[in-house]
């Protein structure tokens, strides 16, 4: 399984009053990684919606928060395809902090199911074969 890695800096706005990343922002970081991964494969979500009438929507999330991230830290957010169905993709995602080149800490893990829906009706819609092929070759 190939893994896409997206660097994220923790900004003040990402944290709570204690300087720790607010729990919902881990999901935002993961969303950014999935979006950039798709962009890297040549798919921009606004263009998919406009030209192929496809939207990707999160259907379910299972996330574990293992250690806190803090203000101004550099993190790596990963995205990898665990499985790809007719109209769904299951991603495995992690957030890691690197303290030293040889030392890293796993902060969060998640399984996120994303579904393909019609941009107008919001009913399930098959992922086009071209996209599915690219997803499978990247995983």
C-alpha atoms as a PDB file:
ATOM      1  CA  UNK A   1       0.000   0.000   0.000  1.00  0.00           C
ATOM      2  CA  UNK A   2       1.499   3.340  -1.056  1.00  0.00           C
ATOM      3  CA  UNK A   3       1.126   6.151   1.425  1.00  0.00           C
ATOM      4  CA  UNK A   4       0.664   9.825   0.585  1.00  0.00           C
ATOM      5  CA  UNK A   5       2.287  12.201   3.081  1.00  0.00           C
ATOM      6  CA  UNK A   6       1.199  15.815   3.590  1.00  0.00           C
ATOM      7  CA  UNK A   7       3.084  18.174   5.952  1.00  0.00           C
ATOM      8  CA  UNK A   8       1.004  20.311   8.313  1.00  0.00           C
ATOM      9  CA  UNK A   9       2.140  23.059  10.664  1.00  0.00           C
ATOM     10  CA  UNK A  10      -0.008  23.520  13.780  1.00  0.00           C
ATOM     11  CA  UNK A  11      -1.188  27.129  13.942  1.00  0.00           C
ATOM     12  CA  UNK A  12      -2.495  28.946  16.987  1.00  0.00           C
ATOM     13  CA  UNK A  13      -6.021  28.797  15.509  1.00  0.00           C
ATOM     14  CA  UNK A  14      -5.803  24.965  15.527  1.00  0.00           C
ATOM     15  CA  UNK A  15      -5.376  24.802  19.301  1.00  0.00           C
ATOM     16  CA  UNK A  16      -7.507  25.105  22.403  1.00  0.00           C
ATOM     17  CA  UNK A  17      -6.743  27.329  25.390  1.00  0.00           C
ATOM     18  CA  UNK A  18      -4.117  24.830  26.572  1.00  0.00           C
ATOM     19  CA  UNK A  19      -2.157  25.023  23.308  1.00  0.00           C
ATOM     20  CA  UNK A  20      -3.207  21.500  22.280  1.00  0.00           C
ATOM     21  CA  UNK A  21      -4.751  20.787  18.881  1.00  0.00           C
ATOM     22  CA  UNK A  22      -8.549  20.745  19.215  1.00  0.00           C
ATOM     23  CA  UNK A  23      -9.783  17.210  18.471  1.00  0.00           C
ATOM     24  CA  UNK A  24     -11.898  18.140  15.412  1.00  0.00           C
ATOM     25  CA  UNK A  25      -8.890  19.734  13.716  1.00  0.00           C
ATOM     26  CA  UNK A  26      -7.225  16.330  13.337  1.00  0.00           C
ATOM     27  CA  UNK A  27     -10.092  15.540  10.941  1.00  0.00           C
ATOM     28  CA  UNK A  28      -9.416  18.775   9.049  1.00  0.00           C
ATOM     29  CA  UNK A  29      -5.757  17.829   8.685  1.00  0.00           C
ATOM     30  CA  UNK A  30      -6.790  14.418   7.351  1.00  0.00           C
ATOM     31  CA  UNK A  31      -9.249  16.006   4.921  1.00  0.00           C
ATOM     32  CA  UNK A  32      -6.464  18.200   3.555  1.00  0.00           C
ATOM     33  CA  UNK A  33      -4.225  15.175   3.039  1.00  0.00           C
ATOM     34  CA  UNK A  34      -6.944  13.267   1.135  1.00  0.00           C
ATOM     35  CA  UNK A  35      -7.717  16.332  -0.994  1.00  0.00           C
ATOM     36  CA  UNK A  36      -4.057  16.897  -1.844  1.00  0.00           C
ATOM     37  CA  UNK A  37      -3.600  13.190  -2.557  1.00  0.00           C
ATOM     38  CA  UNK A  38      -6.467  13.310  -5.080  1.00  0.00           C
ATOM     39  CA  UNK A  39      -5.052  16.534  -6.549  1.00  0.00           C
ATOM     40  CA  UNK A  40      -1.699  14.782  -6.917  1.00  0.00           C
ATOM     41  CA  UNK A  41      -3.443  12.049  -8.909  1.00  0.00           C
ATOM     42  CA  UNK A  42      -4.885  14.742 -11.205  1.00  0.00           C
ATOM     43  CA  UNK A  43      -8.371  15.090  -9.702  1.00  0.00           C
ATOM     44  CA  UNK A  44      -9.682  18.335  -8.295  1.00  0.00           C
ATOM     45  CA  UNK A  45     -12.953  18.019  -6.460  1.00  0.00           C
ATOM     46  CA  UNK A  46     -14.560  21.162  -7.876  1.00  0.00           C
ATOM     47  CA  UNK A  47     -13.819  19.970 -11.415  1.00  0.00           C
ATOM     48  CA  UNK A  48     -15.155  16.474 -10.652  1.00  0.00           C
ATOM     49  CA  UNK A  49     -18.377  18.050  -9.378  1.00  0.00           C
ATOM     50  CA  UNK A  50     -18.741  20.311 -12.395  1.00  0.00           C
ATOM     51  CA  UNK A  51     -17.668  17.943 -15.185  1.00  0.00           C
ATOM     52  CA  UNK A  52     -18.507  14.447 -13.907  1.00  0.00           C
ATOM     53  CA  UNK A  53     -21.206  15.396 -11.371  1.00  0.00           C
ATOM     54  CA  UNK A  54     -19.393  13.544  -8.579  1.00  0.00           C
ATOM     55  CA  UNK A  55     -18.903  14.586  -4.986  1.00  0.00           C
ATOM     56  CA  UNK A  56     -16.953  12.682  -2.370  1.00  0.00           C
ATOM     57  CA  UNK A  57     -18.561  12.747   1.077  1.00  0.00           C
ATOM     58  CA  UNK A  58     -17.360  11.279   4.343  1.00  0.00           C
ATOM     59  CA  UNK A  59     -19.675   8.472   5.417  1.00  0.00           C
ATOM     60  CA  UNK A  60     -17.933   7.282   8.555  1.00  0.00           C
ATOM     61  CA  UNK A  61     -14.908   7.962  10.720  1.00  0.00           C
ATOM     62  CA  UNK A  62     -13.167   5.848  13.320  1.00  0.00           C
ATOM     63  CA  UNK A  63     -10.344   7.790  14.962  1.00  0.00           C
ATOM     64  CA  UNK A  64      -8.000   7.184  17.860  1.00  0.00           C
ATOM     65  CA  UNK A  65      -6.255  10.077  19.573  1.00  0.00           C
ATOM     66  CA  UNK A  66      -3.029   8.695  21.011  1.00  0.00           C
ATOM     67  CA  UNK A  67      -0.941  11.755  21.908  1.00  0.00           C
ATOM     68  CA  UNK A  68      -1.559  15.504  21.678  1.00  0.00           C
ATOM     69  CA  UNK A  69      -0.149  17.782  19.003  1.00  0.00           C
ATOM     70  CA  UNK A  70       0.760  21.289  20.095  1.00  0.00           C
ATOM     71  CA  UNK A  71       1.074  24.793  18.721  1.00  0.00           C
ATOM     72  CA  UNK A  72       3.824  25.346  16.118  1.00  0.00           C
ATOM     73  CA  UNK A  73       4.725  21.662  15.677  1.00  0.00           C
ATOM     74  CA  UNK A  74       5.334  20.184  12.237  1.00  0.00           C
ATOM     75  CA  UNK A  75       3.268  17.078  11.577  1.00  0.00           C
ATOM     76  CA  UNK A  76       2.993  14.578   8.765  1.00  0.00           C
ATOM     77  CA  UNK A  77      -0.494  13.459   7.808  1.00  0.00           C
ATOM     78  CA  UNK A  78      -0.744  10.291   5.752  1.00  0.00           C
ATOM     79  CA  UNK A  79      -3.454   8.930   3.487  1.00  0.00           C
ATOM     80  CA  UNK A  80      -3.529   5.448   2.007  1.00  0.00           C
ATOM     81  CA  UNK A  81      -6.326   3.533   0.316  1.00  0.00           C
ATOM     82  CA  UNK A  82      -7.254   0.457   2.329  1.00  0.00           C
ATOM     83  CA  UNK A  83      -9.998  -0.612  -0.075  1.00  0.00           C
ATOM     84  CA  UNK A  84     -11.952   0.717  -3.034  1.00  0.00           C
ATOM     85  CA  UNK A  85     -15.490  -0.380  -3.796  1.00  0.00           C
ATOM     86  CA  UNK A  86     -18.032   0.506  -6.468  1.00  0.00           C
ATOM     87  CA  UNK A  87     -18.924   3.823  -4.826  1.00  0.00           C
ATOM     88  CA  UNK A  88     -16.711   3.964  -1.741  1.00  0.00           C
ATOM     89  CA  UNK A  89     -13.103   4.324  -0.649  1.00  0.00           C
ATOM     90  CA  UNK A  90     -11.754   3.387   2.769  1.00  0.00           C
ATOM     91  CA  UNK A  91      -8.704   5.379   3.797  1.00  0.00           C
ATOM     92  CA  UNK A  92      -6.193   4.572   6.514  1.00  0.00           C
ATOM     93  CA  UNK A  93      -4.769   7.802   7.881  1.00  0.00           C
ATOM     94  CA  UNK A  94      -2.223   8.751  10.509  1.00  0.00           C
ATOM     95  CA  UNK A  95      -0.787  11.888  12.042  1.00  0.00           C
ATOM     96  CA  UNK A  96       2.854  11.694  13.102  1.00  0.00           C
ATOM     97  CA  UNK A  97       5.184  14.141  14.832  1.00  0.00           C
ATOM     98  CA  UNK A  98       8.914  13.902  14.118  1.00  0.00           C
ATOM     99  CA  UNK A  99      11.031  15.017  17.065  1.00  0.00           C
ATOM    100  CA  UNK A 100      14.362  14.068  15.545  1.00  0.00           C
ATOM    101  CA  UNK A 101      15.170  12.495  12.191  1.00  0.00           C
ATOM    102  CA  UNK A 102      15.306   9.053  13.824  1.00  0.00           C
ATOM    103  CA  UNK A 103      12.445   9.563  16.299  1.00  0.00           C
ATOM    104  CA  UNK A 104       8.756   9.903  15.525  1.00  0.00           C
ATOM    105  CA  UNK A 105       5.572   9.720  17.550  1.00  0.00           C
ATOM    106  CA  UNK A 106       2.259   8.436  16.286  1.00  0.00           C
ATOM    107  CA  UNK A 107      -0.383  10.928  17.428  1.00  0.00           C
ATOM    108  CA  UNK A 108      -3.553   9.716  15.747  1.00  0.00           C
ATOM    109  CA  UNK A 109      -4.869   6.914  13.535  1.00  0.00           C
ATOM    110  CA  UNK A 110      -8.116   6.784  11.584  1.00  0.00           C
ATOM    111  CA  UNK A 111     -10.178   4.763   9.129  1.00  0.00           C
ATOM    112  CA  UNK A 112     -12.321   7.054   7.022  1.00  0.00           C
ATOM    113  CA  UNK A 113     -14.919   5.848   4.544  1.00  0.00           C
ATOM    114  CA  UNK A 114     -15.654   8.242   1.705  1.00  0.00           C
ATOM    115  CA  UNK A 115     -18.534   7.683  -0.703  1.00  0.00           C
ATOM    116  CA  UNK A 116     -19.081   8.903  -4.228  1.00  0.00           C
ATOM    117  CA  UNK A 117     -22.434  10.631  -4.706  1.00  0.00           C
ATOM    118  CA  UNK A 118     -24.215  12.377  -7.543  1.00  0.00           C
ATOM    119  CA  UNK A 119     -23.617  16.133  -7.242  1.00  0.00           C
ATOM    120  CA  UNK A 120     -27.324  16.931  -7.685  1.00  0.00           C
ATOM    121  CA  UNK A 121     -29.260  14.098  -6.056  1.00  0.00           C
ATOM    122  CA  UNK A 122     -26.681  13.105  -3.414  1.00  0.00           C
ATOM    123  CA  UNK A 123     -27.491   9.465  -4.182  1.00  0.00           C
ATOM    124  CA  UNK A 124     -24.628   6.934  -4.461  1.00  0.00           C
ATOM    125  CA  UNK A 125     -22.830   7.077  -7.791  1.00  0.00           C
ATOM    126  CA  UNK A 126     -20.186   4.677  -9.077  1.00  0.00           C
ATOM    127  CA  UNK A 127     -16.643   5.929  -9.065  1.00  0.00           C
ATOM    128  CA  UNK A 128     -15.635   6.267 -12.752  1.00  0.00           C
ATOM    129  CA  UNK A 129     -13.326   3.516 -13.984  1.00  0.00           C
ATOM    130  CA  UNK A 130     -10.530   6.012 -14.750  1.00  0.00           C
ATOM    131  CA  UNK A 131     -10.518   7.291 -11.163  1.00  0.00           C
ATOM    132  CA  UNK A 132     -10.814   3.784  -9.723  1.00  0.00           C
ATOM    133  CA  UNK A 133      -7.837   2.657 -11.833  1.00  0.00           C
ATOM    134  CA  UNK A 134      -5.726   5.539 -10.521  1.00  0.00           C
ATOM    135  CA  UNK A 135      -6.833   4.848  -6.945  1.00  0.00           C
ATOM    136  CA  UNK A 136      -5.949   1.176  -7.229  1.00  0.00           C
ATOM    137  CA  UNK A 137      -2.550   1.874  -8.813  1.00  0.00           C
ATOM    138  CA  UNK A 138      -1.785   4.340  -6.008  1.00  0.00           C
ATOM    139  CA  UNK A 139      -2.649   1.801  -3.321  1.00  0.00           C
END
